[in-house]
């Protein structure tokens, strides 16, 4: 893996992600059952357009998402206190190929990683009632992070300041990762082909019809 120490959300971080499949959107390429997602082509079009224009798609944020971002440092500290683990904060991590990557909420030791979620009270209560829901919701992202970082486990940690936290350790699922790798490689190939086709069409002389 190639670690880029750009703070998440900065212009440098956005530039590193530009036109590259990212773990937070791997659910657009593959379902939790390992099948190709019906939203794959739309995501491929988005990334091809980013490479051509040099501009990222605008990030949509709502009040819940903003609140989650603000609570993340507090949640990370709570995780460290609860587990005794030290968390290494990183920016964007590229796969060795340089074609796709992930932005983990932290690396843990030499074998683990961390995904933090700070949901609304209603969603948090759902995770408290059924912790597996937390994993199902972000399974592709978590397994994708393990694939890129070559880690063997990932801790999913949901935090709300007024409710009990939820911590689930997710083990590496190599069978799913193999299927994920196939879908990512297909997407990367299609993105390159779309960009090349666009550039070739632009360079061809246009003949005005008589």
C-alpha atoms as a PDB file:
ATOM      1  CA  UNK A   1       0.000   0.000   0.000  1.00  0.00           C
ATOM      2  CA  UNK A   2       1.004   3.620  -0.557  1.00  0.00           C
ATOM      3  CA  UNK A   3       0.116   5.969   2.311  1.00  0.00           C
ATOM      4  CA  UNK A   4      -0.503   9.606   1.370  1.00  0.00           C
ATOM      5  CA  UNK A   5      -0.475  11.795   4.462  1.00  0.00           C
ATOM      6  CA  UNK A   6      -3.026  14.302   3.230  1.00  0.00           C
ATOM      7  CA  UNK A   7      -5.554  15.350   5.836  1.00  0.00           C
ATOM      8  CA  UNK A   8      -8.963  14.039   4.878  1.00  0.00           C
ATOM      9  CA  UNK A   9     -11.148  16.665   3.253  1.00  0.00           C
ATOM     10  CA  UNK A  10      -8.260  18.862   2.044  1.00  0.00           C
ATOM     11  CA  UNK A  11      -7.621  19.796  -1.578  1.00  0.00           C
ATOM     12  CA  UNK A  12      -4.652  17.395  -1.640  1.00  0.00           C
ATOM     13  CA  UNK A  13      -6.837  14.544  -0.372  1.00  0.00           C
ATOM     14  CA  UNK A  14      -9.497  15.286  -2.977  1.00  0.00           C
ATOM     15  CA  UNK A  15      -6.850  15.350  -5.706  1.00  0.00           C
ATOM     16  CA  UNK A  16      -5.507  11.956  -4.600  1.00  0.00           C
ATOM     17  CA  UNK A  17      -8.999  10.437  -4.876  1.00  0.00           C
ATOM     18  CA  UNK A  18      -9.818  12.091  -8.200  1.00  0.00           C
ATOM     19  CA  UNK A  19     -11.029   9.552 -10.741  1.00  0.00           C
ATOM     20  CA  UNK A  20     -10.128   6.580  -8.552  1.00  0.00           C
ATOM     21  CA  UNK A  21     -12.531   4.044  -7.022  1.00  0.00           C
ATOM     22  CA  UNK A  22     -12.569   4.540  -3.259  1.00  0.00           C
ATOM     23  CA  UNK A  23     -13.577   2.073  -0.547  1.00  0.00           C
ATOM     24  CA  UNK A  24     -16.368   4.311   0.734  1.00  0.00           C
ATOM     25  CA  UNK A  25     -18.101   3.775  -2.636  1.00  0.00           C
ATOM     26  CA  UNK A  26     -17.250   0.106  -3.249  1.00  0.00           C
ATOM     27  CA  UNK A  27     -20.914  -0.663  -2.579  1.00  0.00           C
ATOM     28  CA  UNK A  28     -21.540   0.954  -5.980  1.00  0.00           C
ATOM     29  CA  UNK A  29     -19.430  -1.786  -7.574  1.00  0.00           C
ATOM     30  CA  UNK A  30     -20.390  -4.887  -5.598  1.00  0.00           C
ATOM     31  CA  UNK A  31     -23.229  -6.081  -3.383  1.00  0.00           C
ATOM     32  CA  UNK A  32     -22.736  -7.734   0.007  1.00  0.00           C
ATOM     33  CA  UNK A  33     -23.435 -11.076  -1.697  1.00  0.00           C
ATOM     34  CA  UNK A  34     -20.478 -10.572  -4.039  1.00  0.00           C
ATOM     35  CA  UNK A  35     -22.447  -9.783  -7.187  1.00  0.00           C
ATOM     36  CA  UNK A  36     -21.855  -6.806  -9.462  1.00  0.00           C
ATOM     37  CA  UNK A  37     -23.894  -3.787  -8.404  1.00  0.00           C
ATOM     38  CA  UNK A  38     -26.448  -2.266 -10.755  1.00  0.00           C
ATOM     39  CA  UNK A  39     -25.022   1.168  -9.932  1.00  0.00           C
ATOM     40  CA  UNK A  40     -21.528   0.290 -11.216  1.00  0.00           C
ATOM     41  CA  UNK A  41     -21.841   2.010 -14.606  1.00  0.00           C
ATOM     42  CA  UNK A  42     -22.986   5.270 -13.041  1.00  0.00           C
ATOM     43  CA  UNK A  43     -19.981   5.244 -10.703  1.00  0.00           C
ATOM     44  CA  UNK A  44     -17.637   4.448 -13.595  1.00  0.00           C
ATOM     45  CA  UNK A  45     -19.085   7.373 -15.573  1.00  0.00           C
ATOM     46  CA  UNK A  46     -18.545   9.666 -12.585  1.00  0.00           C
ATOM     47  CA  UNK A  47     -14.887   8.672 -12.193  1.00  0.00           C
ATOM     48  CA  UNK A  48     -14.177   8.886 -15.928  1.00  0.00           C
ATOM     49  CA  UNK A  49     -15.667  12.390 -15.957  1.00  0.00           C
ATOM     50  CA  UNK A  50     -13.489  13.353 -12.985  1.00  0.00           C
ATOM     51  CA  UNK A  51     -10.352  12.245 -14.837  1.00  0.00           C
ATOM     52  CA  UNK A  52     -11.325  14.171 -17.949  1.00  0.00           C
ATOM     53  CA  UNK A  53     -12.373  17.400 -16.218  1.00  0.00           C
ATOM     54  CA  UNK A  54      -9.893  17.283 -13.346  1.00  0.00           C
ATOM     55  CA  UNK A  55     -12.738  18.101 -10.975  1.00  0.00           C
ATOM     56  CA  UNK A  56     -14.361  15.981  -8.278  1.00  0.00           C
ATOM     57  CA  UNK A  57     -18.068  15.497  -7.931  1.00  0.00           C
ATOM     58  CA  UNK A  58     -19.309  17.821  -5.155  1.00  0.00           C
ATOM     59  CA  UNK A  59     -19.707  16.120  -1.786  1.00  0.00           C
ATOM     60  CA  UNK A  60     -23.254  16.082  -0.486  1.00  0.00           C
ATOM     61  CA  UNK A  61     -23.424  16.709   3.246  1.00  0.00           C
ATOM     62  CA  UNK A  62     -26.386  16.996   5.561  1.00  0.00           C
ATOM     63  CA  UNK A  63     -26.636  17.880   9.245  1.00  0.00           C
ATOM     64  CA  UNK A  64     -26.140  14.270  10.360  1.00  0.00           C
ATOM     65  CA  UNK A  65     -22.998  13.885   8.216  1.00  0.00           C
ATOM     66  CA  UNK A  66     -21.542  17.164   9.497  1.00  0.00           C
ATOM     67  CA  UNK A  67     -22.276  16.116  13.056  1.00  0.00           C
ATOM     68  CA  UNK A  68     -20.538  12.797  12.431  1.00  0.00           C
ATOM     69  CA  UNK A  69     -17.430  14.550  11.164  1.00  0.00           C
ATOM     70  CA  UNK A  70     -17.327  16.781  14.231  1.00  0.00           C
ATOM     71  CA  UNK A  71     -17.746  13.826  16.613  1.00  0.00           C
ATOM     72  CA  UNK A  72     -15.141  11.598  14.961  1.00  0.00           C
ATOM     73  CA  UNK A  73     -12.133  12.742  17.085  1.00  0.00           C
ATOM     74  CA  UNK A  74     -14.180  12.183  20.244  1.00  0.00           C
ATOM     75  CA  UNK A  75     -15.223   8.754  19.003  1.00  0.00           C
ATOM     76  CA  UNK A  76     -11.631   7.813  18.152  1.00  0.00           C
ATOM     77  CA  UNK A  77     -10.499   8.764  21.650  1.00  0.00           C
ATOM     78  CA  UNK A  78     -13.335   6.724  23.165  1.00  0.00           C
ATOM     79  CA  UNK A  79     -12.308   3.715  21.068  1.00  0.00           C
ATOM     80  CA  UNK A  80      -8.701   4.045  22.243  1.00  0.00           C
ATOM     81  CA  UNK A  81      -9.794   4.308  25.888  1.00  0.00           C
ATOM     82  CA  UNK A  82     -12.169   1.352  25.614  1.00  0.00           C
ATOM     83  CA  UNK A  83      -9.820  -1.010  23.758  1.00  0.00           C
ATOM     84  CA  UNK A  84      -6.397   0.198  24.854  1.00  0.00           C
ATOM     85  CA  UNK A  85      -5.409   0.337  21.180  1.00  0.00           C
ATOM     86  CA  UNK A  86      -3.431   3.200  19.707  1.00  0.00           C
ATOM     87  CA  UNK A  87      -4.892   4.504  16.461  1.00  0.00           C
ATOM     88  CA  UNK A  88      -2.675   5.829  13.679  1.00  0.00           C
ATOM     89  CA  UNK A  89      -4.485   8.487  11.674  1.00  0.00           C
ATOM     90  CA  UNK A  90      -3.784   8.434   7.947  1.00  0.00           C
ATOM     91  CA  UNK A  91      -4.963  10.251   4.836  1.00  0.00           C
ATOM     92  CA  UNK A  92      -5.628   8.436   1.576  1.00  0.00           C
ATOM     93  CA  UNK A  93      -4.108   4.981   1.070  1.00  0.00           C
ATOM     94  CA  UNK A  94      -3.509   3.792  -2.476  1.00  0.00           C
ATOM     95  CA  UNK A  95      -3.379   0.168  -3.535  1.00  0.00           C
ATOM     96  CA  UNK A  96       0.040  -0.804  -4.874  1.00  0.00           C
ATOM     97  CA  UNK A  97      -1.323  -0.385  -8.404  1.00  0.00           C
ATOM     98  CA  UNK A  98      -2.078   3.281  -7.682  1.00  0.00           C
ATOM     99  CA  UNK A  99      -5.489   2.874  -9.326  1.00  0.00           C
ATOM    100  CA  UNK A 100      -7.799   2.853  -6.279  1.00  0.00           C
ATOM    101  CA  UNK A 101      -7.670   3.449  -2.556  1.00  0.00           C
ATOM    102  CA  UNK A 102      -9.318   4.072   0.791  1.00  0.00           C
ATOM    103  CA  UNK A 103      -9.447   6.644   3.581  1.00  0.00           C
ATOM    104  CA  UNK A 104      -9.474   4.671   6.851  1.00  0.00           C
ATOM    105  CA  UNK A 105     -10.483   6.302  10.100  1.00  0.00           C
ATOM    106  CA  UNK A 106      -7.338   4.748  11.524  1.00  0.00           C
ATOM    107  CA  UNK A 107      -4.847   1.888  11.425  1.00  0.00           C
ATOM    108  CA  UNK A 108      -4.515  -0.305  14.507  1.00  0.00           C
ATOM    109  CA  UNK A 109      -1.230  -2.074  15.166  1.00  0.00           C
ATOM    110  CA  UNK A 110       0.207  -4.035  12.249  1.00  0.00           C
ATOM    111  CA  UNK A 111      -2.884  -6.131  11.495  1.00  0.00           C
ATOM    112  CA  UNK A 112      -5.969  -3.994  12.085  1.00  0.00           C
ATOM    113  CA  UNK A 113      -7.898  -0.918  11.148  1.00  0.00           C
ATOM    114  CA  UNK A 114     -10.796   1.207  12.311  1.00  0.00           C
ATOM    115  CA  UNK A 115     -14.033   2.454  10.785  1.00  0.00           C
ATOM    116  CA  UNK A 116     -15.900   5.045  12.879  1.00  0.00           C
ATOM    117  CA  UNK A 117     -19.561   5.929  12.476  1.00  0.00           C
ATOM    118  CA  UNK A 118     -21.367   8.610  14.489  1.00  0.00           C
ATOM    119  CA  UNK A 119     -25.005   8.108  13.503  1.00  0.00           C
ATOM    120  CA  UNK A 120     -28.224   9.699  14.665  1.00  0.00           C
ATOM    121  CA  UNK A 121     -29.741   8.401  17.896  1.00  0.00           C
ATOM    122  CA  UNK A 122     -32.334   6.388  15.955  1.00  0.00           C
ATOM    123  CA  UNK A 123     -29.739   4.658  13.786  1.00  0.00           C
ATOM    124  CA  UNK A 124     -27.459   4.159  16.779  1.00  0.00           C
ATOM    125  CA  UNK A 125     -30.248   2.409  18.654  1.00  0.00           C
ATOM    126  CA  UNK A 126     -30.690   0.081  15.681  1.00  0.00           C
ATOM    127  CA  UNK A 127     -26.998  -0.821  15.899  1.00  0.00           C
ATOM    128  CA  UNK A 128     -27.290  -1.367  19.653  1.00  0.00           C
ATOM    129  CA  UNK A 129     -30.232  -3.697  19.108  1.00  0.00           C
ATOM    130  CA  UNK A 130     -28.472  -5.572  16.282  1.00  0.00           C
ATOM    131  CA  UNK A 131     -24.720  -4.905  15.930  1.00  0.00           C
ATOM    132  CA  UNK A 132     -24.627  -6.971  12.731  1.00  0.00           C
ATOM    133  CA  UNK A 133     -26.542  -4.148  11.054  1.00  0.00           C
ATOM    134  CA  UNK A 134     -23.493  -1.918  11.483  1.00  0.00           C
ATOM    135  CA  UNK A 135     -21.335  -4.423   9.623  1.00  0.00           C
ATOM    136  CA  UNK A 136     -23.905  -5.069   6.877  1.00  0.00           C
ATOM    137  CA  UNK A 137     -24.240  -1.359   6.208  1.00  0.00           C
ATOM    138  CA  UNK A 138     -20.514  -0.888   5.559  1.00  0.00           C
ATOM    139  CA  UNK A 139     -19.322  -4.384   4.629  1.00  0.00           C
ATOM    140  CA  UNK A 140     -17.929  -3.513   1.186  1.00  0.00           C
ATOM    141  CA  UNK A 141     -16.065  -0.502   2.571  1.00  0.00           C
ATOM    142  CA  UNK A 142     -14.579  -2.467   5.476  1.00  0.00           C
ATOM    143  CA  UNK A 143     -13.470  -5.437   3.369  1.00  0.00           C
ATOM    144  CA  UNK A 144     -12.131  -3.007   0.761  1.00  0.00           C
ATOM    145  CA  UNK A 145      -9.996  -1.296   3.381  1.00  0.00           C
ATOM    146  CA  UNK A 146      -8.580  -4.665   4.450  1.00  0.00           C
ATOM    147  CA  UNK A 147      -7.861  -5.526   0.817  1.00  0.00           C
ATOM    148  CA  UNK A 148      -5.958  -2.303   0.156  1.00  0.00           C
ATOM    149  CA  UNK A 149      -4.071  -2.199   3.470  1.00  0.00           C
ATOM    150  CA  UNK A 150      -3.468  -5.980   3.594  1.00  0.00           C
ATOM    151  CA  UNK A 151      -4.853  -6.140   7.144  1.00  0.00           C
ATOM    152  CA  UNK A 152      -6.495  -9.156   8.767  1.00  0.00           C
ATOM    153  CA  UNK A 153      -9.233  -7.450  10.810  1.00  0.00           C
ATOM    154  CA  UNK A 154     -11.161  -4.184  11.002  1.00  0.00           C
ATOM    155  CA  UNK A 155     -13.014  -2.730  13.989  1.00  0.00           C
ATOM    156  CA  UNK A 156     -16.366  -1.113  13.225  1.00  0.00           C
ATOM    157  CA  UNK A 157     -17.092   1.391  15.989  1.00  0.00           C
ATOM    158  CA  UNK A 158     -20.369   3.291  16.261  1.00  0.00           C
ATOM    159  CA  UNK A 159     -20.476   6.199  18.702  1.00  0.00           C
ATOM    160  CA  UNK A 160     -23.159   8.491  20.078  1.00  0.00           C
ATOM    161  CA  UNK A 161     -22.383  10.738  23.076  1.00  0.00           C
ATOM    162  CA  UNK A 162     -25.660   9.895  24.827  1.00  0.00           C
ATOM    163  CA  UNK A 163     -25.931   6.179  24.042  1.00  0.00           C
ATOM    164  CA  UNK A 164     -23.824   3.071  24.556  1.00  0.00           C
ATOM    165  CA  UNK A 165     -21.232   2.540  21.837  1.00  0.00           C
ATOM    166  CA  UNK A 166     -21.123  -0.481  19.537  1.00  0.00           C
ATOM    167  CA  UNK A 167     -17.888  -2.271  18.621  1.00  0.00           C
ATOM    168  CA  UNK A 168     -17.761  -5.164  16.163  1.00  0.00           C
ATOM    169  CA  UNK A 169     -14.563  -6.818  14.967  1.00  0.00           C
ATOM    170  CA  UNK A 170     -14.785  -7.852  11.319  1.00  0.00           C
ATOM    171  CA  UNK A 171     -12.432 -10.559  10.086  1.00  0.00           C
ATOM    172  CA  UNK A 172     -10.954 -10.567   6.605  1.00  0.00           C
ATOM    173  CA  UNK A 173     -13.172 -12.402   4.106  1.00  0.00           C
ATOM    174  CA  UNK A 174     -10.780 -13.476   1.362  1.00  0.00           C
ATOM    175  CA  UNK A 175     -13.502 -15.013  -0.805  1.00  0.00           C
ATOM    176  CA  UNK A 176     -15.395 -11.707  -0.853  1.00  0.00           C
ATOM    177  CA  UNK A 177     -12.176  -9.742  -1.374  1.00  0.00           C
ATOM    178  CA  UNK A 178     -11.350 -11.846  -4.446  1.00  0.00           C
ATOM    179  CA  UNK A 179     -14.755 -10.961  -5.910  1.00  0.00           C
ATOM    180  CA  UNK A 180     -14.289  -7.317  -4.930  1.00  0.00           C
ATOM    181  CA  UNK A 181     -10.863  -7.203  -6.579  1.00  0.00           C
ATOM    182  CA  UNK A 182     -12.399  -8.513  -9.805  1.00  0.00           C
ATOM    183  CA  UNK A 183     -15.088  -5.811  -9.820  1.00  0.00           C
ATOM    184  CA  UNK A 184     -12.564  -3.072  -9.032  1.00  0.00           C
ATOM    185  CA  UNK A 185     -10.208  -4.195 -11.805  1.00  0.00           C
ATOM    186  CA  UNK A 186     -13.104  -4.255 -14.270  1.00  0.00           C
ATOM    187  CA  UNK A 187     -14.104  -0.746 -13.206  1.00  0.00           C
ATOM    188  CA  UNK A 188     -10.542   0.591 -13.515  1.00  0.00           C
ATOM    189  CA  UNK A 189     -10.248  -0.893 -17.015  1.00  0.00           C
ATOM    190  CA  UNK A 190     -13.572   0.617 -18.094  1.00  0.00           C
ATOM    191  CA  UNK A 191     -12.638   4.016 -16.685  1.00  0.00           C
ATOM    192  CA  UNK A 192      -9.380   4.025 -18.659  1.00  0.00           C
ATOM    193  CA  UNK A 193     -11.147   2.894 -21.824  1.00  0.00           C
ATOM    194  CA  UNK A 194     -13.817   5.577 -21.512  1.00  0.00           C
ATOM    195  CA  UNK A 195     -11.211   8.302 -20.999  1.00  0.00           C
ATOM    196  CA  UNK A 196      -9.131   7.072 -23.952  1.00  0.00           C
ATOM    197  CA  UNK A 197     -12.210   6.885 -26.191  1.00  0.00           C
ATOM    198  CA  UNK A 198     -13.225  10.411 -25.241  1.00  0.00           C
ATOM    199  CA  UNK A 199      -9.756  11.805 -25.916  1.00  0.00           C
ATOM    200  CA  UNK A 200      -9.506   9.997 -29.261  1.00  0.00           C
ATOM    201  CA  UNK A 201     -12.858  11.363 -30.376  1.00  0.00           C
ATOM    202  CA  UNK A 202     -11.803  14.888 -29.431  1.00  0.00           C
ATOM    203  CA  UNK A 203      -8.563  14.620 -31.412  1.00  0.00           C
ATOM    204  CA  UNK A 204     -10.262  13.366 -34.599  1.00  0.00           C
ATOM    205  CA  UNK A 205     -10.985  16.089 -37.168  1.00  0.00           C
ATOM    206  CA  UNK A 206     -14.659  16.973 -37.444  1.00  0.00           C
ATOM    207  CA  UNK A 207     -16.045  16.929 -40.979  1.00  0.00           C
ATOM    208  CA  UNK A 208     -18.812  19.382 -41.648  1.00  0.00           C
ATOM    209  CA  UNK A 209     -21.669  17.769 -43.572  1.00  0.00           C
ATOM    210  CA  UNK A 210     -22.558  19.361 -46.888  1.00  0.00           C
END
